[in-house]
C-alpha atoms as a PDB file:
ATOM      1  CA  MET A   1     216.559 130.961 134.129  1.00  0.00           C
ATOM      2  CA  ALA A   2     214.781 134.203 135.101  1.00  0.00           C
ATOM      3  CA  ARG A   3     215.392 135.606 131.602  1.00  0.00           C
ATOM      4  CA  ILE A   4     213.719 132.590 130.023  1.00  0.00           C
ATOM      5  CA  VAL A   5     210.653 132.972 132.244  1.00  0.00           C
ATOM      6  CA  ILE A   6     210.424 136.694 131.477  1.00  0.00           C
ATOM      7  CA  SER A   7     210.886 136.023 127.751  1.00  0.00           C
ATOM      8  CA  VAL A   8     208.101 133.435 127.735  1.00  0.00           C
ATOM      9  CA  LEU A   9     205.847 135.796 129.679  1.00  0.00           C
ATOM     10  CA  ILE A  10     206.491 138.675 127.261  1.00  0.00           C
ATOM     11  CA  ALA A  11     205.886 136.437 124.244  1.00  0.00           C
ATOM     12  CA  SER A  12     202.646 135.096 125.755  1.00  0.00           C
ATOM     13  CA  VAL A  13     201.240 138.542 126.510  1.00  0.00           C
ATOM     14  CA  ALA A  14     202.223 139.792 123.039  1.00  0.00           C
ATOM     15  CA  PHE A  15     200.479 136.798 121.464  1.00  0.00           C
ATOM     16  CA  LEU A  16     197.313 137.415 123.436  1.00  0.00           C
ATOM     17  CA  ALA A  17     197.318 141.139 122.658  1.00  0.00           C
ATOM     18  CA  LEU A  18     197.742 140.682 118.919  1.00  0.00           C
ATOM     19  CA  TYR A  19     196.217 137.370 117.904  1.00  0.00           C
ATOM     20  CA  VAL A  20     193.328 136.476 120.169  1.00  0.00           C
ATOM     21  CA  LYS A  21     190.147 137.348 118.333  1.00  0.00           C
ATOM     22  CA  GLN A  22     187.147 138.867 119.998  1.00  0.00           C
ATOM     23  CA  GLY A  23     183.790 137.113 120.012  1.00  0.00           C
ATOM     24  CA  GLU A  24     181.219 137.563 117.305  1.00  0.00           C
ATOM     25  CA  SER A  25     179.028 139.983 119.228  1.00  0.00           C
ATOM     26  CA  VAL A  26     179.336 143.729 118.860  1.00  0.00           C
ATOM     27  CA  TYR A  27     178.554 145.766 121.974  1.00  0.00           C
ATOM     28  CA  CYS A  28     177.432 149.359 121.462  1.00  0.00           C
ATOM     29  CA  TYR A  29     176.303 152.262 123.591  1.00  0.00           C
ATOM     30  CA  VAL A  30     172.548 152.737 123.204  1.00  0.00           C
ATOM     31  CA  CYS A  31     171.189 156.062 124.404  1.00  0.00           C
ATOM     32  CA  SER A  32     169.833 159.429 123.325  1.00  0.00           C
ATOM     33  CA  ASP A  33     170.684 162.741 124.955  1.00  0.00           C
ATOM     34  CA  ASP A  34     167.095 163.994 124.739  1.00  0.00           C
ATOM     35  CA  ILE A  35     166.223 161.241 127.242  1.00  0.00           C
ATOM     36  CA  ASP A  36     169.543 161.043 129.125  1.00  0.00           C
ATOM     37  CA  PRO A  37     171.741 164.182 128.912  1.00  0.00           C
ATOM     38  CA  ARG A  38     174.824 162.073 129.767  1.00  0.00           C
ATOM     39  CA  CYS A  39     174.568 160.543 126.294  1.00  0.00           C
ATOM     40  CA  GLY A  40     175.478 163.819 124.583  1.00  0.00           C
ATOM     41  CA  ASP A  41     178.875 165.186 123.650  1.00  0.00           C
ATOM     42  CA  PRO A  42     181.324 165.199 125.275  1.00  0.00           C
ATOM     43  CA  PHE A  43     180.616 161.604 126.284  1.00  0.00           C
ATOM     44  CA  ASN A  44     182.148 160.341 129.528  1.00  0.00           C
ATOM     45  CA  ARG A  45     182.623 156.678 128.650  1.00  0.00           C
ATOM     46  CA  THR A  46     184.157 155.864 132.047  1.00  0.00           C
ATOM     47  CA  ASN A  47     180.980 156.981 133.792  1.00  0.00           C
ATOM     48  CA  HIS A  48     178.819 155.021 131.344  1.00  0.00           C
ATOM     49  CA  ARG A  49     180.921 151.866 131.514  1.00  0.00           C
ATOM     50  CA  TYR A  50     180.151 151.819 135.235  1.00  0.00           C
ATOM     51  CA  ARG A  51     176.464 151.972 134.375  1.00  0.00           C
ATOM     52  CA  GLY A  52     176.363 148.867 132.181  1.00  0.00           C
ATOM     53  CA  TYR A  53     172.751 149.420 131.121  1.00  0.00           C
ATOM     54  CA  LEU A  54     173.877 151.668 128.266  1.00  0.00           C
ATOM     55  CA  VAL A  55     175.916 148.938 126.523  1.00  0.00           C
ATOM     56  CA  THR A  56     173.899 146.507 124.410  1.00  0.00           C
ATOM     57  CA  ASP A  57     174.825 143.260 122.645  1.00  0.00           C
ATOM     58  CA  CYS A  58     173.693 144.217 119.144  1.00  0.00           C
ATOM     59  CA  ASP A  59     174.026 140.703 117.747  1.00  0.00           C
ATOM     60  CA  ARG A  60     171.636 139.359 120.374  1.00  0.00           C
ATOM     61  CA  GLU A  61     169.201 142.124 119.445  1.00  0.00           C
ATOM     62  CA  ARG A  62     169.581 141.155 115.771  1.00  0.00           C
ATOM     63  CA  GLY A  63     168.634 137.565 116.646  1.00  0.00           C
ATOM     64  CA  ALA A  64     165.240 138.778 117.846  1.00  0.00           C
ATOM     65  CA  SER A  65     164.177 139.737 114.314  1.00  0.00           C
ATOM     66  CA  THR A  66     164.620 138.041 110.938  1.00  0.00           C
ATOM     67  CA  TYR A  67     164.321 141.431 109.215  1.00  0.00           C
ATOM     68  CA  LEU A  68     167.615 142.760 110.529  1.00  0.00           C
ATOM     69  CA  ARG A  69     170.650 142.551 108.289  1.00  0.00           C
ATOM     70  CA  GLN A  70     173.715 140.350 108.542  1.00  0.00           C
ATOM     71  CA  LYS A  71     176.330 142.510 110.265  1.00  0.00           C
ATOM     72  CA  ALA A  72     175.712 144.568 113.389  1.00  0.00           C
ATOM     73  CA  VAL A  73     177.505 147.920 113.721  1.00  0.00           C
ATOM     74  CA  CYS A  74     177.510 150.720 116.255  1.00  0.00           C
ATOM     75  CA  ARG A  75     176.062 154.010 115.059  1.00  0.00           C
ATOM     76  CA  LYS A  76     176.245 157.564 116.337  1.00  0.00           C
ATOM     77  CA  PHE A  77     174.307 160.356 114.741  1.00  0.00           C
ATOM     78  CA  LYS A  78     173.286 163.897 115.520  1.00  0.00           C
ATOM     79  CA  HIS A  79     170.046 165.293 114.204  1.00  0.00           C
ATOM     80  CA  THR A  80     167.608 168.111 114.891  1.00  0.00           C
ATOM     81  CA  VAL A  81     164.161 167.350 116.277  1.00  0.00           C
ATOM     82  CA  ASN A  82     161.779 170.223 117.062  1.00  0.00           C
ATOM     83  CA  ASN A  83     164.669 172.718 116.825  1.00  0.00           C
ATOM     84  CA  GLN A  84     166.728 170.734 119.355  1.00  0.00           C
ATOM     85  CA  ASP A  85     169.992 168.974 118.483  1.00  0.00           C
ATOM     86  CA  VAL A  86     169.944 165.351 119.658  1.00  0.00           C
ATOM     87  CA  VAL A  87     172.841 162.866 119.822  1.00  0.00           C
ATOM     88  CA  VAL A  88     171.831 159.213 119.440  1.00  0.00           C
ATOM     89  CA  ARG A  89     174.097 156.200 119.981  1.00  0.00           C
ATOM     90  CA  SER A  90     172.657 152.870 118.869  1.00  0.00           C
ATOM     91  CA  CYS A  91     172.998 149.498 117.189  1.00  0.00           C
ATOM     92  CA  SER A  92     172.370 149.324 113.478  1.00  0.00           C
ATOM     93  CA  TRP A  93     172.887 146.844 110.666  1.00  0.00           C
ATOM     94  CA  GLU A  94     174.881 147.146 107.474  1.00  0.00           C
ATOM     95  CA  SER A  95     173.338 146.758 104.065  1.00  0.00           C
ATOM     96  CA  ASN A  96     174.888 145.940 100.707  1.00  0.00           C
ATOM     97  CA  ARG A  97     173.145 148.988  99.267  1.00  0.00           C
ATOM     98  CA  ASP A  98     174.177 152.522 100.267  1.00  0.00           C
ATOM     99  CA  GLU A  99     170.656 153.905  99.917  1.00  0.00           C
ATOM    100  CA  ASP A 100     169.392 151.831 102.849  1.00  0.00           C
ATOM    101  CA  GLY A 101     172.533 151.553 104.976  1.00  0.00           C
ATOM    102  CA  PRO A 102     172.717 152.523 108.675  1.00  0.00           C
ATOM    103  CA  CYS A 103     173.214 156.225 107.887  1.00  0.00           C
ATOM    104  CA  SER A 104     170.695 156.566 105.065  1.00  0.00           C
ATOM    105  CA  GLN A 105     167.782 158.911 105.556  1.00  0.00           C
ATOM    106  CA  PHE A 106     165.529 155.830 105.380  1.00  0.00           C
ATOM    107  CA  ALA A 107     167.279 154.303 108.435  1.00  0.00           C
ATOM    108  CA  LEU A 108     166.990 157.463 110.538  1.00  0.00           C
ATOM    109  CA  PRO A 109     163.919 159.081 112.113  1.00  0.00           C
ATOM    110  CA  PRO A 110     161.574 160.830 109.644  1.00  0.00           C
ATOM    111  CA  ASN A 111     161.338 164.626 109.417  1.00  0.00           C
ATOM    112  CA  THR A 112     164.756 165.222 110.921  1.00  0.00           C
ATOM    113  CA  ARG A 113     167.769 167.142 109.705  1.00  0.00           C
ATOM    114  CA  ILE A 114     170.907 164.987 109.969  1.00  0.00           C
ATOM    115  CA  HIS A 115     174.112 166.789 110.990  1.00  0.00           C
ATOM    116  CA  TYR A 116     176.336 163.706 110.890  1.00  0.00           C
ATOM    117  CA  CYS A 117     176.165 159.937 111.113  1.00  0.00           C
ATOM    118  CA  VAL A 118     179.029 157.474 111.614  1.00  0.00           C
ATOM    119  CA  THR A 119     179.213 153.712 112.042  1.00  0.00           C
ATOM    120  CA  CYS A 120     181.917 151.388 113.350  1.00  0.00           C
ATOM    121  CA  ASP A 121     182.158 147.676 114.041  1.00  0.00           C
ATOM    122  CA  THR A 122     184.151 147.197 117.243  1.00  0.00           C
ATOM    123  CA  ASP A 123     182.876 147.047 120.819  1.00  0.00           C
ATOM    124  CA  GLU A 124     181.735 150.383 122.243  1.00  0.00           C
ATOM    125  CA  CYS A 125     183.283 152.214 119.285  1.00  0.00           C
ATOM    126  CA  ASN A 126     180.458 154.733 119.119  1.00  0.00           C
ATOM    127  CA  SER A 127     182.425 156.428 121.880  1.00  0.00           C
ATOM    128  CA  ALA A 128     185.124 154.088 123.226  1.00  0.00           C
ATOM    129  CA  VAL A 129     188.750 153.252 122.498  1.00  0.00           C
ATOM    130  CA  THR A 130     188.945 150.331 120.064  1.00  0.00           C
ATOM    131  CA  ALA A 131     190.463 146.969 120.930  1.00  0.00           C
ATOM    132  CA  LYS A 132     193.003 147.337 118.093  1.00  0.00           C
ATOM    133  CA  PHE A 133     194.284 150.528 119.667  1.00  0.00           C
ATOM    134  CA  LEU A 134     194.567 148.857 123.072  1.00  0.00           C
ATOM    135  CA  SER A 135     196.392 145.888 121.522  1.00  0.00           C
ATOM    136  CA  THR A 136     198.899 148.260 119.963  1.00  0.00           C
ATOM    137  CA  LEU A 137     199.416 150.000 123.292  1.00  0.00           C
ATOM    138  CA  ILE A 138     200.218 146.644 124.884  1.00  0.00           C
ATOM    139  CA  ALA A 139     202.313 145.244 122.031  1.00  0.00           C
ATOM    140  CA  LEU A 140     204.546 148.278 121.471  1.00  0.00           C
ATOM    141  CA  PRO A 141     206.189 148.332 124.927  1.00  0.00           C
ATOM    142  CA  LEU A 142     206.537 144.550 124.788  1.00  0.00           C
ATOM    143  CA  ALA A 143     208.320 144.781 121.451  1.00  0.00           C
ATOM    144  CA  LEU A 144     210.684 147.379 122.883  1.00  0.00           C
ATOM    145  CA  LEU A 145     211.400 145.302 126.009  1.00  0.00           C
ATOM    146  CA  ALA A 146     211.756 141.925 124.282  1.00  0.00           C
ATOM    147  CA  PRO A 147     215.289 142.432 122.865  1.00  0.00           C
ATOM    148  CA  ARG A 148     216.526 143.379 126.305  1.00  0.00           C
ATOM    149  CA  TYR A 149     215.437 140.045 127.777  1.00  0.00           C
ATOM    150  CA  LEU A 150     215.862 137.787 124.754  1.00  0.00           C
ATOM    151  CA  CYS A 151     219.559 138.527 124.203  1.00  0.00           C
END
């Protein structure tokens, strides 16, 4: 009887880890290290998670303006302003055209030299571990333990 309960528990957790979809909103870190030095690299996401004010619901922000594009993404870029390197983490919106996407020169501050720009579309991915990675971390040990209890 105990094996059946454990088997059902393992199967339930595996199902939740792999198949439950996240909500529609994308949550991103929003900060700039010229204003808050903690925003720079290396980024201590544990410290920032505690201070929830840095994480923004980008889809809610998109709803405030009809000019913003369809899909919210997190963006991180590094640029030079007045001879100072600045790391910026923010929400942005994808475009069907590369020339005005989230990392185009048009989408970034004028008169700056861009060192790099990346986008991603999972919660807190502009510095955090993705949910897919966490799901794999949960599912792998469960898959290894399941045969032991199912047989």
